[in-house]
Amino acid sequence: MKLFDIPGGKTLEIQHILLDYNGTLAVDGFPIPGVREKINQLKDDFFFHVITADTFGSVKQALEDTACEVVTIPAGDQARAKAAYLEKLGPDVTLACGNGVNDELMLEQAVLGVAVLQAEGLAVQTLTAGDILIKDILDLFGFLAHPGRLIACLRR
């Protein structure tokens, strides 16, 4: 867990990081280089959760040596399934990150929603549901490892 004291805003207590897989951590079912290492580096500060319908059937093997819980959800109504999992974790202590239409609710309901624009694109409604937009998933890990970056982005 880490505290992020945002000047002119609130103090964020982040315990959980809830991540979409395809389009966020992976492209075409393969993890973006550096993602596994970054999760493993930050495992003592946060609980990482990867939530996916596993379109390519590869997530468990791809992340087997990664310090995260992999949650596979049914193909139907993924947005509600992701929001329900966020509710179980506690939205007030969870940062959620994603790019697709099915990530909109979890970004909107999390204490901090991070929209990511990468090779798969970013749904407009998910962009507007987030608090921050990042250009690359590795930027998220930079925010987590160097809190000053997040504070600089969110201060009022």
N, C-alpha and C. Protein backbone atom coordinates (compact mmCIF):
# COMPACT_ATOMS: atom_id res chain seq x y z
N MET A 1 0.83 -1.17 0.00
CA MET A 1 0.00 0.00 0.00
C MET A 1 0.88 1.23 0.00
N LYS A 2 0.43 2.25 -0.75
CA LYS A 2 1.11 3.53 -0.75
C LYS A 2 0.09 4.64 -0.61
N LEU A 3 0.50 5.69 0.06
CA LEU A 3 -0.31 6.90 0.16
C LEU A 3 0.22 7.93 -0.82
N PHE A 4 -0.70 8.57 -1.52
CA PHE A 4 -0.37 9.64 -2.44
C PHE A 4 -1.14 10.87 -1.97
N ASP A 5 -0.43 11.82 -1.38
CA ASP A 5 -1.06 13.03 -0.85
C ASP A 5 -1.09 14.07 -1.97
N ILE A 6 -2.27 14.31 -2.51
CA ILE A 6 -2.43 15.20 -3.65
C ILE A 6 -2.73 16.62 -3.16
N PRO A 7 -1.82 17.57 -3.38
CA PRO A 7 -2.06 18.95 -2.95
C PRO A 7 -3.35 19.52 -3.58
N GLY A 8 -4.20 20.07 -2.73
CA GLY A 8 -5.46 20.63 -3.20
C GLY A 8 -6.50 19.56 -3.50
N GLY A 9 -6.16 18.32 -3.29
CA GLY A 9 -7.06 17.21 -3.56
C GLY A 9 -7.15 16.33 -2.33
N LYS A 10 -7.27 15.05 -2.56
CA LYS A 10 -7.39 14.12 -1.44
C LYS A 10 -6.16 13.23 -1.36
N THR A 11 -6.03 12.56 -0.26
CA THR A 11 -4.98 11.56 -0.11
C THR A 11 -5.51 10.23 -0.62
N LEU A 12 -4.78 9.65 -1.56
CA LEU A 12 -5.17 8.37 -2.13
C LEU A 12 -4.39 7.27 -1.42
N GLU A 13 -5.10 6.28 -0.93
CA GLU A 13 -4.49 5.10 -0.33
C GLU A 13 -4.70 3.95 -1.30
N ILE A 14 -3.65 3.62 -2.04
CA ILE A 14 -3.76 2.59 -3.08
C ILE A 14 -3.18 1.28 -2.55
N GLN A 15 -4.02 0.25 -2.48
CA GLN A 15 -3.59 -1.08 -2.08
C GLN A 15 -3.58 -2.04 -3.27
N HIS A 16 -4.58 -1.89 -4.13
CA HIS A 16 -4.77 -2.81 -5.25
C HIS A 16 -4.61 -2.09 -6.58
N ILE A 17 -4.00 -2.78 -7.52
CA ILE A 17 -3.90 -2.31 -8.90
C ILE A 17 -4.65 -3.33 -9.75
N LEU A 18 -5.75 -2.89 -10.36
CA LEU A 18 -6.60 -3.77 -11.17
C LEU A 18 -6.36 -3.43 -12.64
N LEU A 19 -5.85 -4.40 -13.38
CA LEU A 19 -5.40 -4.17 -14.75
C LEU A 19 -6.14 -5.05 -15.74
N ASP A 20 -6.63 -4.43 -16.81
CA ASP A 20 -7.11 -5.18 -17.96
C ASP A 20 -5.89 -5.85 -18.60
N TYR A 21 -6.10 -6.92 -19.34
CA TYR A 21 -4.96 -7.60 -19.96
C TYR A 21 -4.75 -7.15 -21.41
N ASN A 22 -5.59 -7.63 -22.34
CA ASN A 22 -5.38 -7.31 -23.75
C ASN A 22 -5.65 -5.84 -24.03
N GLY A 23 -4.69 -5.20 -24.67
CA GLY A 23 -4.80 -3.77 -24.97
C GLY A 23 -4.21 -2.89 -23.89
N THR A 24 -4.04 -3.45 -22.69
CA THR A 24 -3.49 -2.68 -21.56
C THR A 24 -2.11 -3.21 -21.18
N LEU A 25 -2.05 -4.48 -20.78
CA LEU A 25 -0.77 -5.11 -20.42
C LEU A 25 -0.17 -5.91 -21.58
N ALA A 26 -1.00 -6.21 -22.56
CA ALA A 26 -0.58 -7.11 -23.64
C ALA A 26 -1.10 -6.61 -24.98
N VAL A 27 -0.41 -7.02 -26.03
CA VAL A 27 -0.85 -6.78 -27.40
C VAL A 27 -0.94 -8.15 -28.07
N ASP A 28 -2.09 -8.43 -28.65
CA ASP A 28 -2.31 -9.71 -29.33
C ASP A 28 -2.03 -10.92 -28.43
N GLY A 29 -2.30 -10.77 -27.13
CA GLY A 29 -2.14 -11.87 -26.19
C GLY A 29 -0.76 -12.00 -25.58
N PHE A 30 0.19 -11.16 -26.00
CA PHE A 30 1.56 -11.24 -25.48
C PHE A 30 1.86 -10.03 -24.61
N PRO A 31 2.39 -10.25 -23.40
CA PRO A 31 2.70 -9.12 -22.52
C PRO A 31 3.67 -8.14 -23.17
N ILE A 32 3.42 -6.87 -22.96
CA ILE A 32 4.31 -5.82 -23.44
C ILE A 32 5.64 -5.98 -22.70
N PRO A 33 6.76 -5.91 -23.42
CA PRO A 33 8.06 -6.06 -22.76
C PRO A 33 8.23 -5.10 -21.58
N GLY A 34 8.66 -5.66 -20.46
CA GLY A 34 8.90 -4.89 -19.25
C GLY A 34 7.77 -4.95 -18.24
N VAL A 35 6.58 -5.34 -18.65
CA VAL A 35 5.41 -5.36 -17.75
C VAL A 35 5.61 -6.35 -16.59
N ARG A 36 5.99 -7.56 -16.91
CA ARG A 36 6.15 -8.57 -15.85
C ARG A 36 7.21 -8.14 -14.83
N GLU A 37 8.30 -7.61 -15.33
CA GLU A 37 9.38 -7.17 -14.44
C GLU A 37 8.91 -6.03 -13.53
N LYS A 38 8.16 -5.09 -14.08
CA LYS A 38 7.68 -3.95 -13.28
C LYS A 38 6.71 -4.41 -12.19
N ILE A 39 5.81 -5.31 -12.52
CA ILE A 39 4.89 -5.85 -11.51
C ILE A 39 5.68 -6.53 -10.40
N ASN A 40 6.65 -7.34 -10.79
CA ASN A 40 7.46 -8.05 -9.78
C ASN A 40 8.27 -7.08 -8.91
N GLN A 41 8.72 -5.98 -9.47
CA GLN A 41 9.47 -4.98 -8.71
C GLN A 41 8.59 -4.28 -7.67
N LEU A 42 7.31 -4.12 -7.97
CA LEU A 42 6.40 -3.36 -7.10
C LEU A 42 5.50 -4.24 -6.24
N LYS A 43 5.73 -5.54 -6.24
CA LYS A 43 4.85 -6.49 -5.55
C LYS A 43 4.80 -6.29 -4.04
N ASP A 44 5.81 -5.67 -3.45
CA ASP A 44 5.79 -5.44 -2.00
C ASP A 44 4.95 -4.23 -1.62
N ASP A 45 4.64 -3.38 -2.59
CA ASP A 45 3.87 -2.16 -2.33
C ASP A 45 2.39 -2.28 -2.68
N PHE A 46 2.06 -3.16 -3.62
CA PHE A 46 0.69 -3.25 -4.12
C PHE A 46 0.32 -4.71 -4.39
N PHE A 47 -0.99 -4.99 -4.36
CA PHE A 47 -1.52 -6.27 -4.81
C PHE A 47 -1.98 -6.06 -6.25
N PHE A 48 -1.41 -6.80 -7.18
CA PHE A 48 -1.76 -6.67 -8.59
C PHE A 48 -2.77 -7.73 -8.98
N HIS A 49 -3.78 -7.31 -9.75
CA HIS A 49 -4.83 -8.18 -10.25
C HIS A 49 -4.98 -7.93 -11.74
N VAL A 50 -4.96 -8.97 -12.53
CA VAL A 50 -5.15 -8.87 -13.98
C VAL A 50 -6.48 -9.54 -14.28
N ILE A 51 -7.37 -8.78 -14.90
CA ILE A 51 -8.72 -9.29 -15.18
C ILE A 51 -8.95 -9.31 -16.68
N THR A 52 -9.45 -10.44 -17.17
CA THR A 52 -9.55 -10.62 -18.61
C THR A 52 -10.55 -11.72 -18.97
N ALA A 53 -11.08 -11.63 -20.17
CA ALA A 53 -11.85 -12.75 -20.73
C ALA A 53 -10.90 -13.72 -21.44
N ASP A 54 -9.63 -13.38 -21.49
CA ASP A 54 -8.57 -14.21 -22.06
C ASP A 54 -8.88 -14.62 -23.50
N THR A 55 -9.09 -13.63 -24.32
CA THR A 55 -9.43 -13.81 -25.73
C THR A 55 -8.49 -14.79 -26.44
N PHE A 56 -7.21 -14.71 -26.14
CA PHE A 56 -6.23 -15.55 -26.84
C PHE A 56 -5.88 -16.83 -26.08
N GLY A 57 -6.45 -17.01 -24.89
CA GLY A 57 -6.21 -18.22 -24.12
C GLY A 57 -4.78 -18.38 -23.61
N SER A 58 -4.10 -17.26 -23.41
CA SER A 58 -2.68 -17.34 -23.09
C SER A 58 -2.28 -16.65 -21.79
N VAL A 59 -3.20 -16.00 -21.10
CA VAL A 59 -2.83 -15.13 -19.99
C VAL A 59 -2.16 -15.88 -18.84
N LYS A 60 -2.68 -17.02 -18.45
CA LYS A 60 -2.10 -17.74 -17.30
C LYS A 60 -0.65 -18.13 -17.56
N GLN A 61 -0.38 -18.64 -18.75
CA GLN A 61 1.00 -19.01 -19.08
C GLN A 61 1.87 -17.77 -19.23
N ALA A 62 1.34 -16.73 -19.85
CA ALA A 62 2.12 -15.51 -20.08
C ALA A 62 2.53 -14.82 -18.78
N LEU A 63 1.71 -14.96 -17.73
CA LEU A 63 1.98 -14.26 -16.47
C LEU A 63 2.32 -15.22 -15.33
N GLU A 64 2.69 -16.46 -15.65
CA GLU A 64 2.90 -17.46 -14.60
C GLU A 64 4.00 -17.09 -13.60
N ASP A 65 5.00 -16.37 -13.99
CA ASP A 65 6.08 -15.97 -13.08
C ASP A 65 5.95 -14.52 -12.65
N THR A 66 4.73 -14.03 -12.65
CA THR A 66 4.47 -12.62 -12.33
C THR A 66 3.66 -12.55 -11.04
N ALA A 67 3.99 -11.61 -10.18
CA ALA A 67 3.35 -11.47 -8.87
C ALA A 67 1.99 -10.79 -9.00
N CYS A 68 1.05 -11.52 -9.59
CA CYS A 68 -0.30 -10.97 -9.75
C CYS A 68 -1.32 -12.10 -9.69
N GLU A 69 -2.52 -11.73 -9.32
CA GLU A 69 -3.63 -12.67 -9.39
C GLU A 69 -4.29 -12.50 -10.75
N VAL A 70 -4.43 -13.59 -11.48
CA VAL A 70 -5.09 -13.56 -12.79
C VAL A 70 -6.53 -14.00 -12.60
N VAL A 71 -7.45 -13.16 -13.03
CA VAL A 71 -8.88 -13.43 -12.90
C VAL A 71 -9.47 -13.51 -14.30
N THR A 72 -10.00 -14.68 -14.64
CA THR A 72 -10.63 -14.86 -15.95
C THR A 72 -12.13 -14.74 -15.78
N ILE A 73 -12.72 -13.88 -16.60
CA ILE A 73 -14.16 -13.63 -16.53
C ILE A 73 -14.84 -14.17 -17.78
N PRO A 74 -16.14 -14.43 -17.71
CA PRO A 74 -16.86 -14.92 -18.89
C PRO A 74 -16.90 -13.86 -20.00
N ALA A 75 -17.09 -14.33 -21.21
CA ALA A 75 -17.11 -13.43 -22.37
C ALA A 75 -18.29 -12.46 -22.33
N GLY A 76 -19.40 -12.82 -21.71
CA GLY A 76 -20.59 -11.96 -21.68
C GLY A 76 -20.54 -10.93 -20.57
N ASP A 77 -20.96 -9.71 -20.86
CA ASP A 77 -21.05 -8.59 -19.91
C ASP A 77 -19.78 -8.42 -19.08
N GLN A 78 -18.68 -8.28 -19.78
CA GLN A 78 -17.38 -8.12 -19.13
C GLN A 78 -17.30 -6.85 -18.29
N ALA A 79 -17.95 -5.79 -18.74
CA ALA A 79 -17.91 -4.54 -17.98
C ALA A 79 -18.47 -4.73 -16.58
N ARG A 80 -19.59 -5.41 -16.46
CA ARG A 80 -20.19 -5.67 -15.14
C ARG A 80 -19.32 -6.62 -14.31
N ALA A 81 -18.73 -7.62 -14.95
CA ALA A 81 -17.86 -8.56 -14.24
C ALA A 81 -16.64 -7.84 -13.67
N LYS A 82 -16.08 -6.93 -14.45
CA LYS A 82 -14.92 -6.17 -13.98
C LYS A 82 -15.31 -5.23 -12.84
N ALA A 83 -16.46 -4.58 -12.96
CA ALA A 83 -16.94 -3.70 -11.89
C ALA A 83 -17.24 -4.49 -10.61
N ALA A 84 -17.78 -5.69 -10.75
CA ALA A 84 -18.07 -6.53 -9.58
C ALA A 84 -16.77 -6.95 -8.89
N TYR A 85 -15.75 -7.26 -9.64
CA TYR A 85 -14.47 -7.62 -9.04
C TYR A 85 -13.86 -6.42 -8.32
N LEU A 86 -13.96 -5.25 -8.94
CA LEU A 86 -13.48 -4.02 -8.30
C LEU A 86 -14.21 -3.80 -6.98
N GLU A 87 -15.50 -4.01 -6.95
CA GLU A 87 -16.29 -3.85 -5.73
C GLU A 87 -15.78 -4.79 -4.63
N LYS A 88 -15.41 -6.00 -5.01
CA LYS A 88 -14.88 -6.97 -4.06
C LYS A 88 -13.55 -6.50 -3.46
N LEU A 89 -12.71 -5.88 -4.28
CA LEU A 89 -11.41 -5.38 -3.81
C LEU A 89 -11.56 -4.14 -2.93
N GLY A 90 -12.56 -3.32 -3.25
CA GLY A 90 -12.75 -2.04 -2.57
C GLY A 90 -12.36 -0.90 -3.49
N PRO A 91 -13.33 -0.26 -4.12
CA PRO A 91 -13.02 0.81 -5.08
C PRO A 91 -12.25 1.97 -4.47
N ASP A 92 -12.41 2.19 -3.16
CA ASP A 92 -11.74 3.33 -2.51
C ASP A 92 -10.25 3.09 -2.27
N VAL A 93 -9.76 1.87 -2.50
CA VAL A 93 -8.33 1.58 -2.33
C VAL A 93 -7.73 0.91 -3.58
N THR A 94 -8.43 1.07 -4.72
CA THR A 94 -8.01 0.40 -5.94
C THR A 94 -7.82 1.37 -7.09
N LEU A 95 -6.68 1.28 -7.74
CA LEU A 95 -6.42 1.96 -9.00
C LEU A 95 -6.78 0.97 -10.09
N ALA A 96 -7.56 1.41 -11.08
CA ALA A 96 -7.93 0.55 -12.21
C ALA A 96 -7.37 1.14 -13.49
N CYS A 97 -6.91 0.26 -14.37
CA CYS A 97 -6.31 0.70 -15.63
C CYS A 97 -6.82 -0.16 -16.77
N GLY A 98 -7.22 0.50 -17.87
CA GLY A 98 -7.72 -0.22 -19.03
C GLY A 98 -7.87 0.69 -20.23
N ASN A 99 -8.34 0.10 -21.33
CA ASN A 99 -8.47 0.83 -22.58
C ASN A 99 -9.78 0.58 -23.32
N GLY A 100 -10.45 -0.52 -23.03
CA GLY A 100 -11.61 -0.91 -23.83
C GLY A 100 -12.94 -0.45 -23.25
N VAL A 101 -13.98 -0.59 -24.05
CA VAL A 101 -15.33 -0.26 -23.61
C VAL A 101 -15.67 -1.02 -22.33
N ASN A 102 -15.21 -2.27 -22.24
CA ASN A 102 -15.52 -3.08 -21.06
C ASN A 102 -14.74 -2.65 -19.81
N ASP A 103 -13.87 -1.65 -19.92
CA ASP A 103 -13.12 -1.13 -18.78
C ASP A 103 -13.72 0.17 -18.22
N GLU A 104 -14.69 0.72 -18.92
CA GLU A 104 -15.26 2.02 -18.54
C GLU A 104 -15.75 2.05 -17.10
N LEU A 105 -16.56 1.10 -16.69
CA LEU A 105 -17.14 1.11 -15.34
C LEU A 105 -16.07 1.01 -14.26
N MET A 106 -15.07 0.14 -14.46
CA MET A 106 -14.06 0.00 -13.41
C MET A 106 -13.21 1.26 -13.29
N LEU A 107 -12.93 1.94 -14.40
CA LEU A 107 -12.18 3.20 -14.32
C LEU A 107 -13.00 4.28 -13.63
N GLU A 108 -14.27 4.31 -13.94
CA GLU A 108 -15.18 5.30 -13.36
C GLU A 108 -15.35 5.11 -11.85
N GLN A 109 -15.39 3.86 -11.40
CA GLN A 109 -15.70 3.56 -10.00
C GLN A 109 -14.48 3.46 -9.10
N ALA A 110 -13.30 3.24 -9.65
CA ALA A 110 -12.08 3.12 -8.85
C ALA A 110 -11.69 4.48 -8.27
N VAL A 111 -10.96 4.46 -7.17
CA VAL A 111 -10.49 5.72 -6.57
C VAL A 111 -9.62 6.49 -7.56
N LEU A 112 -8.93 5.74 -8.44
CA LEU A 112 -8.15 6.37 -9.50
C LEU A 112 -8.26 5.51 -10.75
N GLY A 113 -8.83 6.09 -11.80
CA GLY A 113 -8.99 5.40 -13.07
C GLY A 113 -7.95 5.89 -14.06
N VAL A 114 -7.22 4.96 -14.66
CA VAL A 114 -6.16 5.30 -15.60
C VAL A 114 -6.48 4.68 -16.95
N ALA A 115 -6.69 5.55 -17.93
CA ALA A 115 -6.93 5.11 -19.30
C ALA A 115 -5.58 5.05 -20.01
N VAL A 116 -5.39 4.01 -20.81
CA VAL A 116 -4.11 3.84 -21.51
C VAL A 116 -4.36 3.73 -23.02
N LEU A 117 -3.58 4.49 -23.78
CA LEU A 117 -3.68 4.49 -25.24
C LEU A 117 -2.44 3.82 -25.81
N GLN A 118 -2.65 2.65 -26.38
CA GLN A 118 -1.55 1.90 -26.98
C GLN A 118 -2.00 1.37 -28.34
N ALA A 119 -1.36 0.30 -28.80
CA ALA A 119 -1.60 -0.23 -30.15
C ALA A 119 -3.05 -0.61 -30.42
N GLU A 120 -3.77 -1.07 -29.40
CA GLU A 120 -5.16 -1.51 -29.58
C GLU A 120 -6.13 -0.34 -29.62
N GLY A 121 -5.68 0.84 -29.22
CA GLY A 121 -6.55 2.01 -29.18
C GLY A 121 -7.17 2.20 -27.82
N LEU A 122 -8.04 3.19 -27.73
CA LEU A 122 -8.70 3.55 -26.47
C LEU A 122 -10.12 4.00 -26.76
N ALA A 123 -11.09 3.36 -26.15
CA ALA A 123 -12.49 3.73 -26.35
C ALA A 123 -12.74 5.11 -25.73
N VAL A 124 -13.44 5.94 -26.43
CA VAL A 124 -13.67 7.32 -25.99
C VAL A 124 -14.37 7.35 -24.63
N GLN A 125 -15.38 6.50 -24.43
CA GLN A 125 -16.08 6.52 -23.15
C GLN A 125 -15.18 6.07 -22.00
N THR A 126 -14.22 5.22 -22.29
CA THR A 126 -13.27 4.80 -21.26
C THR A 126 -12.29 5.93 -20.97
N LEU A 127 -11.90 6.66 -21.99
CA LEU A 127 -11.05 7.83 -21.80
C LEU A 127 -11.71 8.82 -20.85
N THR A 128 -12.98 9.12 -21.07
CA THR A 128 -13.65 10.12 -20.24
C THR A 128 -14.00 9.59 -18.85
N ALA A 129 -14.02 8.28 -18.68
CA ALA A 129 -14.29 7.69 -17.36
C ALA A 129 -13.05 7.74 -16.47
N GLY A 130 -11.88 7.85 -17.06
CA GLY A 130 -10.63 7.85 -16.30
C GLY A 130 -10.30 9.20 -15.71
N ASP A 131 -9.39 9.18 -14.75
CA ASP A 131 -8.87 10.41 -14.15
C ASP A 131 -7.60 10.87 -14.84
N ILE A 132 -6.88 9.92 -15.42
CA ILE A 132 -5.60 10.19 -16.08
C ILE A 132 -5.54 9.39 -17.37
N LEU A 133 -4.87 9.94 -18.36
CA LEU A 133 -4.56 9.24 -19.60
C LEU A 133 -3.05 9.05 -19.66
N ILE A 134 -2.61 7.82 -19.94
CA ILE A 134 -1.19 7.56 -20.15
C ILE A 134 -1.00 7.02 -21.56
N LYS A 135 0.19 7.23 -22.10
CA LYS A 135 0.48 6.82 -23.48
C LYS A 135 1.04 5.42 -23.58
N ASP A 136 1.43 4.85 -22.45
CA ASP A 136 2.07 3.55 -22.44
C ASP A 136 1.90 2.96 -21.04
N ILE A 137 1.68 1.66 -20.94
CA ILE A 137 1.47 1.02 -19.64
C ILE A 137 2.68 1.19 -18.73
N LEU A 138 3.86 1.27 -19.29
CA LEU A 138 5.05 1.44 -18.46
C LEU A 138 5.02 2.78 -17.72
N ASP A 139 4.29 3.77 -18.25
CA ASP A 139 4.12 5.04 -17.55
C ASP A 139 3.39 4.84 -16.22
N LEU A 140 2.45 3.91 -16.18
CA LEU A 140 1.75 3.63 -14.93
C LEU A 140 2.73 3.18 -13.85
N PHE A 141 3.62 2.29 -14.21
CA PHE A 141 4.60 1.80 -13.24
C PHE A 141 5.54 2.92 -12.81
N GLY A 142 5.80 3.88 -13.69
CA GLY A 142 6.58 5.06 -13.31
C GLY A 142 5.86 5.89 -12.26
N PHE A 143 4.54 6.06 -12.42
CA PHE A 143 3.74 6.77 -11.41
C PHE A 143 3.82 6.06 -10.06
N LEU A 144 3.72 4.74 -10.08
CA LEU A 144 3.70 3.97 -8.84
C LEU A 144 5.05 3.96 -8.14
N ALA A 145 6.12 3.90 -8.91
CA ALA A 145 7.46 3.86 -8.33
C ALA A 145 7.96 5.25 -7.93
N HIS A 146 7.46 6.27 -8.61
CA HIS A 146 7.89 7.66 -8.37
C HIS A 146 6.65 8.52 -8.13
N PRO A 147 6.12 8.52 -6.90
CA PRO A 147 4.85 9.20 -6.60
C PRO A 147 4.79 10.66 -7.01
N GLY A 148 5.93 11.33 -7.08
CA GLY A 148 5.93 12.73 -7.49
C GLY A 148 5.33 12.95 -8.86
N ARG A 149 5.44 11.98 -9.73
CA ARG A 149 4.86 12.09 -11.08
C ARG A 149 3.34 12.12 -11.01
N LEU A 150 2.78 11.23 -10.21
CA LEU A 150 1.33 11.19 -10.05
C LEU A 150 0.82 12.45 -9.38
N ILE A 151 1.53 12.87 -8.35
CA ILE A 151 1.16 14.08 -7.62
C ILE A 151 1.20 15.29 -8.56
N ALA A 152 2.22 15.39 -9.38
CA ALA A 152 2.32 16.52 -10.32
C ALA A 152 1.17 16.54 -11.31
N CYS A 153 0.71 15.35 -11.70
CA CYS A 153 -0.40 15.25 -12.66
C CYS A 153 -1.74 15.63 -12.03
N LEU A 154 -1.96 15.27 -10.76
CA LEU A 154 -3.27 15.43 -10.14
C LEU A 154 -3.44 16.65 -9.24
N ARG A 155 -2.33 17.32 -8.88
CA ARG A 155 -2.49 18.45 -7.95
C ARG A 155 -3.32 19.56 -8.57
N ARG A 156 -3.95 20.32 -7.69
CA ARG A 156 -4.84 21.40 -8.13
C ARG A 156 -4.14 22.73 -8.04
